[in-house]
Amino acid sequence: MITPKQIEEWIKEARERPSSGPVLIQFIGQRLKFLADRNEELLAENIQLRSGSKVEELESRIASLENQLELLKRQFGGELPELLAPSLSLLCFNTSGKLLRVEIPLDGLEHGTRLAQFDEPLNPADPSTTLLVTSPLEELLLMFETGRTASIAVASVPAADAGVVRWNSALQTETRGGEELCGILPVASLPLFDHCIQVSRRGFAKRIGRSYLQGYIARDYIGGGTRQKLDRPFGLFFINENDLAVIASREGSVLTLPLTGLPYNAEETIRFPVTDYVINAFNPLDRAHIVMVTQDGKVVQREASWLTPSTSLKTRGQQLIPPGRLSSGTRAAAILPCNESDWGVALAASGTLTLYRMADLFSAGSLPGAEADPVVDFKSFSLPSVDRK
């Protein structure tokens, strides 16, 4: 199986030794060819056995392979993939189901540069507006509070005009019966993972095997993953057997669990007061740091080794905000994994989207001007590893 770590190692190899790039492309092309050939074999076998009892099973396997093949093509950009997309896409979406895209150029990034501006201010205490940084080649799985899902390509999301995010020009996804859009999962890397974790706002979580997830996607329904009346779905992320699942809350609680510690049916994992709720859930993979950005712009950094896997559910986990700071009103706008070489984008209450170099934020310990303009959301991203000499 191809793992995300292997992909990052290949990209690093291509950056350090550009001559190895064609070899990597050939290997990935061979993998795509294998899936295509296997798909043709199953199609032929299905024709021969159409009147037999295995027809339904074979058709399911064919659909699964076709889906994986298409996802891999999207991930690597085509039949003979290039290692890079020309830019990254910053998706802005809200609970009413509106999506808009802001392009992040890969060249010429500068610390403190304003990337775009919302046409109206935002409420820092309202989590209805969210950011997601992803590849423009990605396929997105939209998850609604009813448990319904829908798929859309990033390229289908309209781009912000002249760097201004106007919700009246956004894509309005279909919402049924007043349901809200809860989360978005990029799914091109689905074939690289064995499980998916579903998490709710109140910290209920369950794991879903890849084959089951593919069936849910095909039926456009994954379920809410909730157990309490006032709870609602939050998000999904991929994980493998030896990875860790991290669930983080607005009041700075961070719970770390191994895959084996996560149930197959939704159960309460992290316990917090009624004033708290989940703001992020993720697989840290091989990121070196865990970073918290507070609403007043403080940047708190921990080494990834700080994460301590819990041996039981229903705990508070580790705390990033001391009790004294909590009582004075400090809250997290984001808790996320990153590397020092990564970049970040902050959404402020004024509606400004600003780019930051994570290494500079580590040194400064805060985002400039955030006390007067609170942080609503913050996301980090890695630039594709290439030789840009």
Protein backbone atom coordinates (compact mmCIF):
# COMPACT_ATOMS: atom_id res chain seq x y z
CA MET A 1 0.00 0.00 0.00
CA ILE A 2 1.19 3.53 -0.78
CA THR A 3 1.24 5.62 2.40
CA PRO A 4 1.18 9.43 2.82
CA LYS A 5 4.65 9.23 4.39
CA GLN A 6 6.00 7.49 1.28
CA ILE A 7 4.48 10.17 -0.94
CA GLU A 8 6.15 12.92 1.11
CA GLU A 9 9.47 11.06 0.92
CA TRP A 10 9.15 10.80 -2.87
CA ILE A 11 8.39 14.51 -3.20
CA LYS A 12 11.35 15.33 -0.95
CA GLU A 13 13.52 13.08 -3.11
CA ALA A 14 12.33 14.89 -6.26
CA ARG A 15 13.17 18.25 -4.70
CA GLU A 16 16.65 17.21 -3.58
CA ARG A 17 17.45 15.19 -6.71
CA PRO A 18 15.36 16.45 -9.64
CA SER A 19 16.73 13.65 -11.82
CA SER A 20 14.65 11.15 -9.82
CA GLY A 21 11.38 12.89 -10.78
CA PRO A 22 10.76 10.84 -13.95
CA VAL A 23 11.26 7.60 -11.98
CA LEU A 24 8.67 8.65 -9.43
CA ILE A 25 6.20 9.63 -12.15
CA GLN A 26 6.75 6.26 -13.85
CA PHE A 27 6.07 4.41 -10.58
CA ILE A 28 2.82 6.31 -9.94
CA GLY A 29 1.80 5.79 -13.56
CA GLN A 30 2.36 2.05 -13.16
CA ARG A 31 0.15 2.03 -10.07
CA LEU A 32 -2.64 3.78 -11.99
CA LYS A 33 -2.19 1.34 -14.89
CA PHE A 34 -2.45 -1.62 -12.48
CA LEU A 35 -5.77 -0.33 -11.13
CA ALA A 36 -7.07 0.28 -14.66
CA ASP A 37 -6.03 -3.23 -15.79
CA ARG A 38 -7.60 -4.80 -12.73
CA ASN A 39 -10.77 -2.86 -13.44
CA GLU A 40 -10.87 -4.28 -16.98
CA GLU A 41 -10.38 -7.82 -15.64
CA LEU A 42 -13.31 -7.44 -13.27
CA LEU A 43 -15.49 -6.01 -16.03
CA ALA A 44 -14.74 -9.05 -18.23
CA GLU A 45 -15.42 -11.46 -15.38
CA ASN A 46 -18.66 -9.68 -14.60
CA ILE A 47 -19.87 -10.11 -18.18
CA GLN A 48 -19.17 -13.85 -18.00
CA LEU A 49 -20.94 -14.29 -14.66
CA ARG A 50 -23.80 -11.81 -15.09
CA SER A 51 -26.37 -14.54 -14.56
CA GLY A 52 -24.59 -15.91 -11.47
CA SER A 53 -24.80 -15.10 -7.76
CA LYS A 54 -21.60 -13.01 -7.72
CA VAL A 55 -22.88 -10.26 -10.02
CA GLU A 56 -23.76 -7.83 -7.23
CA GLU A 57 -20.46 -8.45 -5.44
CA LEU A 58 -18.41 -7.94 -8.60
CA GLU A 59 -20.25 -4.77 -9.55
CA SER A 60 -19.54 -3.38 -6.09
CA ARG A 61 -15.83 -4.21 -6.45
CA ILE A 62 -15.73 -2.60 -9.90
CA ALA A 63 -17.36 0.57 -8.60
CA SER A 64 -14.87 0.68 -5.73
CA LEU A 65 -11.86 0.30 -8.02
CA GLU A 66 -13.20 2.91 -10.43
CA ASN A 67 -13.64 5.30 -7.52
CA GLN A 68 -10.10 4.67 -6.25
CA LEU A 69 -8.68 5.10 -9.74
CA GLU A 70 -10.48 8.41 -10.20
CA LEU A 71 -9.37 9.64 -6.78
CA LEU A 72 -5.74 8.78 -7.51
CA LYS A 73 -5.96 10.57 -10.85
CA ARG A 74 -7.30 13.67 -9.09
CA GLN A 75 -4.61 13.45 -6.42
CA PHE A 76 -1.76 13.28 -8.94
CA GLY A 77 -3.27 15.33 -11.73
CA GLY A 78 -3.96 12.85 -14.56
CA GLU A 79 -2.75 9.70 -16.28
CA LEU A 80 0.92 10.80 -16.28
CA PRO A 81 0.88 13.11 -13.26
CA GLU A 82 2.84 16.24 -12.58
CA LEU A 83 4.11 16.53 -9.02
CA LEU A 84 2.58 19.99 -8.60
CA ALA A 85 -0.60 21.97 -9.04
CA PRO A 86 -0.08 25.65 -10.00
CA SER A 87 -1.59 26.88 -6.74
CA LEU A 88 -3.41 25.88 -3.58
CA SER A 89 -7.08 26.61 -2.99
CA LEU A 90 -8.43 28.25 0.16
CA LEU A 91 -12.08 27.24 0.51
CA CYS A 92 -14.35 29.48 2.55
CA PHE A 93 -17.66 27.90 3.51
CA ASN A 94 -20.44 28.46 6.01
CA THR A 95 -23.17 26.43 7.68
CA SER A 96 -25.81 27.66 5.20
CA GLY A 97 -23.98 25.67 2.49
CA LYS A 98 -22.20 28.46 0.61
CA LEU A 99 -18.71 27.83 -0.83
CA LEU A 100 -16.20 30.21 -2.38
CA ARG A 101 -12.58 29.67 -3.43
CA VAL A 102 -9.53 31.92 -3.01
CA GLU A 103 -6.37 30.89 -4.86
CA ILE A 104 -3.05 30.86 -2.96
CA PRO A 105 -0.13 31.26 -5.41
CA LEU A 106 2.86 29.02 -4.74
CA ASP A 107 5.42 31.70 -5.54
CA GLY A 108 6.02 35.05 -3.89
CA LEU A 109 4.38 34.39 -0.52
CA GLU A 110 5.26 37.02 2.07
CA HIS A 111 4.64 36.99 5.80
CA GLY A 112 1.76 39.30 6.73
CA THR A 113 0.34 39.60 3.20
CA ARG A 114 -3.41 40.16 2.93
CA LEU A 115 -4.74 37.38 0.71
CA ALA A 116 -8.39 38.42 0.47
CA GLN A 117 -11.16 40.30 2.26
CA PHE A 118 -14.73 39.31 3.16
CA ASP A 119 -17.25 41.94 2.14
CA GLU A 120 -18.72 42.01 5.66
CA PRO A 121 -17.37 41.49 9.20
CA LEU A 122 -17.73 38.19 11.07
CA ASN A 123 -18.64 37.19 14.61
CA PRO A 124 -15.60 35.59 16.37
CA ALA A 125 -17.91 33.66 18.72
CA ASP A 126 -19.83 32.11 15.80
CA PRO A 127 -18.20 29.02 14.18
CA SER A 128 -20.44 29.23 11.09
CA THR A 129 -17.62 30.37 8.74
CA THR A 130 -14.73 27.94 8.21
CA LEU A 131 -11.55 27.71 6.12
CA LEU A 132 -10.04 24.71 4.33
CA VAL A 133 -6.77 24.71 2.37
CA THR A 134 -6.55 22.00 -0.29
CA SER A 135 -5.33 21.17 -3.78
CA PRO A 136 -7.35 22.53 -6.73
CA LEU A 137 -7.37 18.93 -8.04
CA GLU A 138 -9.25 17.63 -4.99
CA GLU A 139 -12.67 16.05 -4.73
CA LEU A 140 -14.67 17.22 -1.70
CA LEU A 141 -17.14 15.27 0.41
CA LEU A 142 -19.71 17.63 1.95
CA MET A 143 -21.31 16.46 5.20
CA PHE A 144 -24.64 17.87 6.38
CA GLU A 145 -26.16 17.74 9.87
CA THR A 146 -28.79 15.21 8.74
CA GLY A 147 -26.01 12.74 7.90
CA ARG A 148 -26.47 13.32 4.18
CA THR A 149 -23.36 13.74 2.02
CA ALA A 150 -22.64 15.15 -1.43
CA SER A 151 -19.51 15.27 -3.61
CA ILE A 152 -18.08 18.19 -5.56
CA ALA A 153 -14.77 18.98 -7.24
CA VAL A 154 -12.78 21.97 -5.97
CA ALA A 155 -12.61 23.24 -9.54
CA SER A 156 -16.42 23.55 -9.52
CA VAL A 157 -16.36 26.06 -6.65
CA PRO A 158 -16.37 29.66 -7.97
CA ALA A 159 -13.33 31.83 -7.27
CA ALA A 160 -13.53 35.07 -5.32
CA ASP A 161 -13.55 38.09 -7.60
CA ALA A 162 -10.54 40.43 -7.18
CA GLY A 163 -9.72 38.98 -3.77
CA VAL A 164 -13.11 39.87 -2.26
CA VAL A 165 -15.16 37.08 -0.65
CA ARG A 166 -18.80 37.88 -1.37
CA TRP A 167 -21.29 35.29 -0.21
CA ASN A 168 -23.80 36.45 -2.84
CA SER A 169 -21.42 35.17 -5.56
CA ALA A 170 -20.66 31.87 -3.78
CA LEU A 171 -21.81 28.42 -4.82
CA GLN A 172 -24.99 27.56 -2.90
CA THR A 173 -25.03 23.82 -2.27
CA GLU A 174 -28.35 22.06 -1.97
CA THR A 175 -29.66 22.01 1.60
CA ARG A 176 -32.79 20.07 2.43
CA GLY A 177 -35.30 21.01 5.08
CA GLY A 178 -33.12 23.73 6.57
CA GLU A 179 -30.16 21.41 7.24
CA GLU A 180 -26.70 22.92 7.80
CA LEU A 181 -23.36 22.12 6.18
CA CYS A 182 -21.20 20.77 9.02
CA GLY A 183 -17.89 19.82 7.44
CA ILE A 184 -15.90 19.11 4.29
CA LEU A 185 -13.44 16.26 3.73
CA PRO A 186 -10.96 16.15 0.80
CA VAL A 187 -11.24 12.53 -0.37
CA ALA A 188 -8.60 12.11 -3.09
CA SER A 189 -6.28 10.37 -0.59
CA LEU A 190 -8.97 7.87 0.49
CA PRO A 191 -7.19 4.87 -1.16
CA LEU A 192 -4.14 5.54 1.06
CA PHE A 193 -5.98 5.02 4.35
CA ASP A 194 -7.76 2.09 5.99
CA HIS A 195 -10.16 4.00 8.24
CA CYS A 196 -12.04 7.26 8.62
CA ILE A 197 -12.96 8.86 11.96
CA GLN A 198 -16.26 10.73 12.35
CA VAL A 199 -16.49 13.28 15.18
CA SER A 200 -19.38 15.37 16.52
CA ARG A 201 -19.35 18.83 18.13
CA ARG A 202 -19.83 17.29 21.59
CA GLY A 203 -16.88 14.93 21.14
CA PHE A 204 -18.65 11.72 20.16
CA ALA A 205 -16.58 9.68 17.70
CA LYS A 206 -16.54 6.43 15.77
CA ARG A 207 -14.28 4.76 13.24
CA ILE A 208 -15.43 3.67 9.79
CA GLY A 209 -13.61 1.13 7.63
CA ARG A 210 -12.67 2.27 4.13
CA SER A 211 -14.98 -0.16 2.34
CA TYR A 212 -17.92 0.96 4.50
CA LEU A 213 -17.08 4.62 3.87
CA GLN A 214 -17.03 4.00 0.11
CA GLY A 215 -20.50 2.48 0.41
CA TYR A 216 -21.75 5.48 2.39
CA ILE A 217 -20.33 7.87 -0.21
CA ALA A 218 -22.04 5.91 -2.99
CA ARG A 219 -25.37 6.23 -1.13
CA ASP A 220 -24.81 9.92 -0.25
CA TYR A 221 -25.43 9.17 3.42
CA ILE A 222 -22.98 8.62 6.27
CA GLY A 223 -25.23 9.26 9.28
CA GLY A 224 -24.93 11.93 11.94
CA GLY A 225 -22.60 10.10 14.32
CA THR A 226 -24.33 11.71 17.31
CA ARG A 227 -25.98 10.38 20.45
CA GLN A 228 -27.33 13.56 22.09
CA LYS A 229 -30.31 15.61 20.94
CA LEU A 230 -28.46 18.94 20.91
CA ASP A 231 -25.30 17.52 19.32
CA ARG A 232 -24.50 17.73 15.60
CA PRO A 233 -21.86 16.29 13.24
CA PHE A 234 -18.54 18.13 12.99
CA GLY A 235 -16.06 16.46 10.67
CA LEU A 236 -14.19 13.47 9.23
CA PHE A 237 -10.53 12.59 8.85
CA PHE A 238 -8.51 9.62 7.57
CA ILE A 239 -6.31 7.36 9.70
CA ASN A 240 -4.24 4.17 9.47
CA GLU A 241 -3.54 1.48 12.04
CA ASN A 242 -0.48 3.06 13.69
CA ASP A 243 -1.67 6.68 13.52
CA LEU A 244 -3.16 8.81 16.27
CA ALA A 245 -6.53 10.57 16.40
CA VAL A 246 -6.55 13.99 18.06
CA ILE A 247 -9.72 15.82 19.16
CA ALA A 248 -9.37 19.46 20.27
CA SER A 249 -11.86 21.84 21.85
CA ARG A 250 -12.49 25.60 22.00
CA GLU A 251 -11.41 25.71 25.67
CA GLY A 252 -8.06 24.10 24.90
CA SER A 253 -8.69 20.43 25.71
CA VAL A 254 -6.70 18.01 23.54
CA LEU A 255 -7.47 14.28 23.63
CA THR A 256 -5.20 11.84 21.80
CA LEU A 257 -6.33 8.29 21.05
CA PRO A 258 -4.82 5.36 19.13
CA LEU A 259 -7.02 3.83 16.45
CA THR A 260 -7.65 0.80 18.66
CA GLY A 261 -9.10 3.12 21.32
CA LEU A 262 -11.84 4.35 19.02
CA PRO A 263 -15.20 2.53 18.86
CA TYR A 264 -17.13 1.42 15.77
CA ASN A 265 -20.31 3.00 17.17
CA ALA A 266 -20.47 6.65 18.20
CA GLU A 267 -19.37 7.08 21.82
CA GLU A 268 -18.36 10.04 23.94
CA THR A 269 -14.57 10.36 23.76
CA ILE A 270 -13.69 13.74 25.27
CA ARG A 271 -15.62 15.17 28.23
CA PHE A 272 -16.01 18.90 28.66
CA PRO A 273 -18.54 21.39 30.11
CA VAL A 274 -21.63 22.56 28.24
CA THR A 275 -19.82 25.78 27.25
CA ASP A 276 -17.16 23.87 25.29
CA TYR A 277 -17.23 22.11 21.90
CA VAL A 278 -14.91 20.50 19.33
CA ILE A 279 -13.11 22.90 16.96
CA ASN A 280 -10.80 20.41 15.26
CA ALA A 281 -10.19 16.67 14.89
CA PHE A 282 -7.20 15.39 12.94
CA ASN A 283 -4.50 12.82 12.30
CA PRO A 284 -1.15 14.56 13.02
CA LEU A 285 0.75 12.14 10.74
CA ASP A 286 4.42 13.18 10.88
CA ARG A 287 3.89 16.87 11.69
CA ALA A 288 6.50 18.11 14.19
CA HIS A 289 4.33 20.58 16.12
CA ILE A 290 0.90 21.09 17.63
CA VAL A 291 -0.13 24.76 17.56
CA MET A 292 -2.95 26.66 19.25
CA VAL A 293 -4.00 30.09 17.99
CA THR A 294 -6.28 31.90 20.43
CA GLN A 295 -8.96 34.40 19.48
CA ASP A 296 -6.78 37.23 20.78
CA GLY A 297 -3.91 36.06 18.55
CA LYS A 298 -1.61 34.24 20.98
CA VAL A 299 0.35 31.39 19.36
CA VAL A 300 1.10 28.44 21.67
CA GLN A 301 3.39 25.76 20.24
CA ARG A 302 4.14 22.26 21.53
CA GLU A 303 6.33 19.53 20.08
CA ALA A 304 4.27 16.68 18.63
CA SER A 305 5.80 14.42 21.29
CA TRP A 306 3.73 16.42 23.82
CA LEU A 307 0.68 14.46 22.67
CA THR A 308 0.06 11.67 25.19
CA PRO A 309 -2.28 8.89 23.99
CA SER A 310 -5.11 8.28 26.43
CA THR A 311 -5.91 4.79 27.68
CA SER A 312 -9.60 5.57 28.24
CA LEU A 313 -12.51 7.57 26.86
CA LYS A 314 -14.53 10.36 28.51
CA THR A 315 -11.56 12.33 29.84
CA ARG A 316 -10.59 16.00 29.48
CA GLY A 317 -7.31 15.10 27.83
CA GLN A 318 -4.38 17.55 27.99
CA GLN A 319 -4.89 21.28 28.50
CA LEU A 320 -3.41 24.06 26.37
CA ILE A 321 -5.23 26.93 28.15
CA PRO A 322 -4.46 27.31 31.86
CA PRO A 323 -7.46 27.72 34.24
CA GLY A 324 -6.58 31.34 34.92
CA ARG A 325 -6.61 32.22 31.23
CA LEU A 326 -9.88 30.34 30.76
CA SER A 327 -11.55 32.29 33.54
CA SER A 328 -10.40 35.54 31.93
CA GLY A 329 -12.08 34.59 28.66
CA THR A 330 -9.26 33.10 26.55
CA ARG A 331 -10.56 30.70 23.90
CA ALA A 332 -8.89 28.81 21.05
CA ALA A 333 -9.69 29.82 17.48
CA ALA A 334 -7.72 26.82 16.16
CA ILE A 335 -5.66 23.86 17.37
CA LEU A 336 -3.82 22.05 14.58
CA PRO A 337 -0.69 20.11 13.53
CA CYS A 338 2.01 21.76 11.43
CA ASN A 339 5.71 21.97 10.61
CA GLU A 340 7.85 25.02 11.20
CA SER A 341 8.30 25.40 7.43
CA ASP A 342 4.52 25.59 6.87
CA TRP A 343 2.41 28.66 6.23
CA GLY A 344 -0.83 29.72 7.87
CA VAL A 345 -3.86 31.77 6.90
CA ALA A 346 -5.88 33.65 9.52
CA LEU A 347 -9.47 34.82 9.19
CA ALA A 348 -10.08 37.88 11.38
CA ALA A 349 -13.39 39.27 12.65
CA SER A 350 -13.03 42.19 10.23
CA GLY A 351 -13.16 39.64 7.38
CA THR A 352 -9.47 39.92 6.47
CA LEU A 353 -7.61 36.80 5.30
CA THR A 354 -3.87 37.12 6.02
CA LEU A 355 -0.93 34.83 5.22
CA TYR A 356 1.72 34.07 7.86
CA ARG A 357 4.95 32.06 7.92
CA MET A 358 4.66 29.60 10.83
CA ALA A 359 8.34 29.95 11.76
CA ASP A 360 7.82 33.70 12.23
CA LEU A 361 4.71 33.11 14.35
CA PHE A 362 6.65 30.68 16.53
CA SER A 363 9.26 33.37 17.12
CA ALA A 364 6.79 36.21 17.72
CA GLY A 365 4.35 34.17 19.82
CA SER A 366 1.34 36.06 18.46
CA LEU A 367 -0.48 37.38 15.40
CA PRO A 368 -0.08 41.14 15.04
CA GLY A 369 -3.21 43.22 15.67
CA ALA A 370 -5.38 40.29 16.81
CA GLU A 371 -6.34 41.90 20.13
CA ALA A 372 -8.25 44.59 18.21
CA ASP A 373 -9.32 42.22 15.41
CA PRO A 374 -10.05 38.76 16.92
CA VAL A 375 -9.19 35.56 15.07
CA VAL A 376 -12.22 33.64 13.78
CA ASP A 377 -10.37 30.71 12.17
CA PHE A 378 -6.81 29.69 11.32
CA LYS A 379 -5.49 26.96 9.04
CA SER A 380 -1.92 25.87 8.23
CA PHE A 381 -0.67 24.38 4.97
CA SER A 382 2.52 22.97 3.47
CA LEU A 383 3.88 24.20 0.18
CA PRO A 384 4.48 21.36 -2.32
CA SER A 385 8.08 20.19 -2.06
CA VAL A 386 9.83 21.21 -5.28
CA ASP A 387 13.12 22.61 -6.45
CA ARG A 388 12.38 26.25 -7.31
CA LYS A 389 15.90 27.34 -8.28
